Structures are given as C-alpha cells and as structure tokens.
Amino acid sequence: MAPRTLILRRLTAHFAGRIRQNQRLLTSHFYSSSALQESQGPSSSSEPNLDGVHMTDTCIQKMKQLKASEEQEKMLRLSVETGGCSGFQYVFDLVDDKTNPDDRVFEKEGVKLVVDNISYDFLKGATVDYVEELIRSAFQVTENPSAVQGCSCKSSFMVKL
C-alpha cells in the first residue's frame, strides 16, 4: 500500500474516533444535565439567574443595529457543535423570528438570543459579547463556566468533565 494511502487511512480513523468520542460526550452530558435539572425542580424567582445565557451591552447594541438595517425581525442563534481546535465550537447565526419547541429564548432590551436545549447544557451562565478587533469583528462567547480551555480565536472550547 502506498505511504500516502496509509497516512490517509490512519488520519481518517483518528478523526472518526474523535467525532464518536465528542458525540458520546455530548449525549452523556445532555442526559446527565437534564436528569439533574429535573431532580432539582424549578428555581425560585428571587434568586439571580445564574443558569441563563447573558448578553453584554455591546452585543445588544450591535444586534439593535443589525435589526434596524433588516426588513424582517432577526434573532441571534447560538449553538454548540462538535469540532474546532478544542473539541467543541460555537456557531452564531442571524435567524428569522422563529423558534423550535426545544429552544430557550433569552431577551434583554428587545434583543433575543436563541439557544437549543442541547447547546444550552454547554452554555449555562455564559456571556455573549460583540468584539471588534483589527483582524475581525464577531459575536463571541467571552465567559463560559462549562469550558475548561479554548483556542486563541475563542471560537472553540473544551468542556469540563
């Protein structure tokens, strides 16, 4: 077998194993968090919302600018997918004003942030910001209690076990 083919097969097997490992981690984290949440019951409204996903003032201002330039009402959707440098990556989308039954909507000053139920387990207590740098301007998760470490571009992270 040619050395090039052998290397490709080894790389394919390695990445397939990483993907399976991340999928197992995602599903086990989802089920354990859901069971814990159900056993604790609803929290009282007098406590601060530590389990929410928060938006900074800069994030809210940018979303208001984007909403003003669009004809149709838009929301920011944040999800977590397997991949990236550290195992999981953040994905931001500007979406129409439609939600799925399993979505959680966080609203502040008329700006809506939508997170699906599985991604929410990785984002509890996280903070979303809009960052303008020399090399790019983008929405970013600046703080995430579920993340152990991340890459320097702040688009991927490794989850606490």
Protein backbone atom coordinates (compact mmCIF):
# COMPACT_ATOMS: atom_id res chain seq x y z
CA MET A 1 0.00 0.00 0.00
CA ALA A 2 1.33 3.46 -0.85
CA PRO A 3 2.52 5.56 2.11
CA ARG A 4 0.08 8.34 1.18
CA THR A 5 -2.92 5.97 1.31
CA LEU A 6 -1.75 4.56 4.63
CA ILE A 7 -1.49 8.05 6.14
CA LEU A 8 -4.95 8.98 4.86
CA ARG A 9 -6.46 5.82 6.38
CA ARG A 10 -4.82 6.49 9.74
CA LEU A 11 -5.98 10.11 9.75
CA THR A 12 -9.50 9.10 8.78
CA ALA A 13 -9.63 6.55 11.59
CA HIS A 14 -8.25 9.10 14.07
CA PHE A 15 -10.79 11.79 13.17
CA ALA A 16 -13.68 9.33 13.09
CA GLY A 17 -12.71 8.24 16.62
CA ARG A 18 -12.59 11.86 17.81
CA ILE A 19 -16.02 12.55 16.34
CA ARG A 20 -17.50 9.46 18.03
CA GLN A 21 -15.89 10.48 21.32
CA ASN A 22 -17.34 14.00 21.07
CA GLN A 23 -20.79 12.65 20.20
CA ARG A 24 -20.70 10.33 23.24
CA LEU A 25 -19.62 13.25 25.41
CA LEU A 26 -22.41 15.42 24.02
CA THR A 27 -25.13 12.84 24.64
CA SER A 28 -23.87 11.81 28.09
CA HIS A 29 -23.57 15.46 29.15
CA PHE A 30 -27.07 16.19 27.83
CA TYR A 31 -28.71 13.31 29.67
CA SER A 32 -26.88 13.86 32.95
CA SER A 33 -27.66 17.61 32.92
CA SER A 34 -31.32 17.02 32.07
CA ALA A 35 -31.71 14.48 34.88
CA LEU A 36 -30.03 16.82 37.35
CA GLN A 37 -32.21 19.73 36.25
CA GLU A 38 -35.40 17.67 36.62
CA SER A 39 -34.41 16.39 40.07
CA GLN A 40 -33.68 19.90 41.36
CA GLY A 41 -37.01 21.26 40.21
CA PRO A 42 -37.69 24.85 39.23
CA SER A 43 -35.62 27.55 40.89
CA SER A 44 -37.23 30.37 42.79
CA SER A 45 -37.61 33.70 41.02
CA SER A 46 -35.90 35.63 43.86
CA GLU A 47 -32.51 34.06 43.03
CA PRO A 48 -30.34 35.67 40.34
CA ASN A 49 -30.45 33.85 37.02
CA LEU A 50 -27.08 32.06 37.12
CA ASP A 51 -28.22 29.46 34.59
CA GLY A 52 -29.12 31.97 31.87
CA VAL A 53 -27.06 32.97 28.86
CA HIS A 54 -26.18 36.62 29.19
CA MET A 55 -25.56 39.35 26.61
CA THR A 56 -23.25 42.32 27.11
CA ASP A 57 -24.31 45.87 26.29
CA THR A 58 -22.02 45.79 23.22
CA CYS A 59 -23.77 42.65 21.97
CA ILE A 60 -27.18 44.26 22.46
CA GLN A 61 -26.14 47.46 20.67
CA LYS A 62 -24.82 45.50 17.67
CA MET A 63 -28.00 43.41 17.45
CA LYS A 64 -30.10 46.59 17.54
CA GLN A 65 -28.02 47.99 14.66
CA LEU A 66 -28.48 44.78 12.67
CA LYS A 67 -32.22 44.72 13.39
CA ALA A 68 -32.56 48.33 12.19
CA SER A 69 -30.88 47.50 8.87
CA GLU A 70 -33.03 44.41 8.24
CA GLU A 71 -36.57 44.39 6.89
CA GLN A 72 -37.58 41.41 9.00
CA GLU A 73 -37.15 40.85 12.75
CA LYS A 74 -33.92 38.89 13.43
CA MET A 75 -32.64 36.95 16.43
CA LEU A 76 -29.17 35.73 17.27
CA ARG A 77 -28.94 31.92 17.46
CA LEU A 78 -26.06 30.38 19.38
CA SER A 79 -25.36 26.66 19.20
CA VAL A 80 -22.56 24.28 20.12
CA GLU A 81 -21.28 21.70 17.64
CA THR A 82 -18.52 19.14 17.74
CA GLY A 83 -15.36 20.28 16.01
CA GLY A 84 -12.94 23.16 16.17
CA CYS A 85 -9.46 23.12 17.66
CA SER A 86 -10.57 22.15 21.16
CA GLY A 87 -13.40 19.66 20.56
CA PHE A 88 -16.50 21.89 20.55
CA GLN A 89 -17.19 25.09 18.67
CA TYR A 90 -19.60 27.98 18.98
CA VAL A 91 -21.82 28.71 15.99
CA PHE A 92 -23.62 32.06 15.66
CA ASP A 93 -26.42 32.62 13.13
CA LEU A 94 -28.74 35.53 12.46
CA VAL A 95 -32.17 33.92 12.07
CA ASP A 96 -35.77 34.91 11.48
CA ASP A 97 -38.14 35.30 14.39
CA LYS A 98 -38.98 31.57 14.53
CA THR A 99 -38.10 29.15 17.30
CA ASN A 100 -38.22 25.39 17.73
CA PRO A 101 -40.10 23.71 20.60
CA ASP A 102 -36.83 22.85 22.39
CA ASP A 103 -35.32 26.36 22.12
CA ARG A 104 -34.66 28.66 25.03
CA VAL A 105 -35.01 32.37 24.32
CA PHE A 106 -33.08 34.93 26.36
CA GLU A 107 -34.26 38.51 25.88
CA LYS A 108 -32.79 41.80 27.01
CA GLU A 109 -33.88 45.25 25.81
CA GLY A 110 -35.87 43.68 22.97
CA VAL A 111 -32.90 41.66 21.66
CA LYS A 112 -33.41 37.90 21.55
CA LEU A 113 -30.74 35.21 21.87
CA VAL A 114 -31.93 31.69 20.99
CA VAL A 115 -30.17 28.55 22.25
CA ASP A 116 -31.30 24.99 21.55
CA ASN A 117 -31.74 22.64 24.51
CA ILE A 118 -28.62 20.52 23.94
CA SER A 119 -26.37 23.56 23.41
CA TYR A 120 -27.86 25.18 26.50
CA ASP A 121 -26.28 22.50 28.69
CA PHE A 122 -22.86 23.71 27.48
CA LEU A 123 -23.73 27.42 27.78
CA LYS A 124 -25.34 27.83 31.22
CA GLY A 125 -24.02 31.02 32.76
CA ALA A 126 -22.12 32.02 29.61
CA THR A 127 -21.73 35.60 28.39
CA VAL A 128 -22.05 36.63 24.74
CA ASP A 129 -20.27 39.76 23.54
CA TYR A 130 -19.63 41.52 20.24
CA VAL A 131 -15.90 42.10 19.82
CA GLU A 132 -14.27 44.38 17.25
CA GLU A 133 -10.59 43.65 16.60
CA LEU A 134 -8.15 44.52 13.87
CA ILE A 135 -8.45 41.10 12.25
CA ARG A 136 -12.20 40.57 12.66
CA SER A 137 -15.44 41.67 14.25
CA ALA A 138 -17.70 38.95 15.59
CA PHE A 139 -20.02 37.72 18.27
CA GLN A 140 -18.06 35.68 20.82
CA VAL A 141 -18.68 33.75 23.99
CA THR A 142 -16.35 35.61 26.34
CA GLU A 143 -17.11 33.67 29.52
CA ASN A 144 -18.33 30.09 29.76
CA PRO A 145 -18.39 28.25 33.10
CA SER A 146 -18.65 24.91 31.25
CA ALA A 147 -15.40 25.49 29.34
CA VAL A 148 -12.08 24.33 30.69
CA GLN A 149 -9.98 25.93 27.97
CA GLY A 150 -10.35 27.17 24.42
CA CYS A 151 -8.39 28.15 21.40
CA SER A 152 -6.92 31.60 20.89
CA CYS A 153 -9.58 32.59 18.34
CA LYS A 154 -12.27 31.99 21.03
CA SER A 155 -14.48 30.05 18.64
CA SER A 156 -13.90 26.61 20.18
CA PHE A 157 -13.59 25.18 23.66
CA MET A 158 -13.02 22.04 25.70
CA VAL A 159 -15.76 21.07 28.14
CA LYS A 160 -15.31 20.26 31.83
CA LEU A 161 -15.81 16.57 32.60
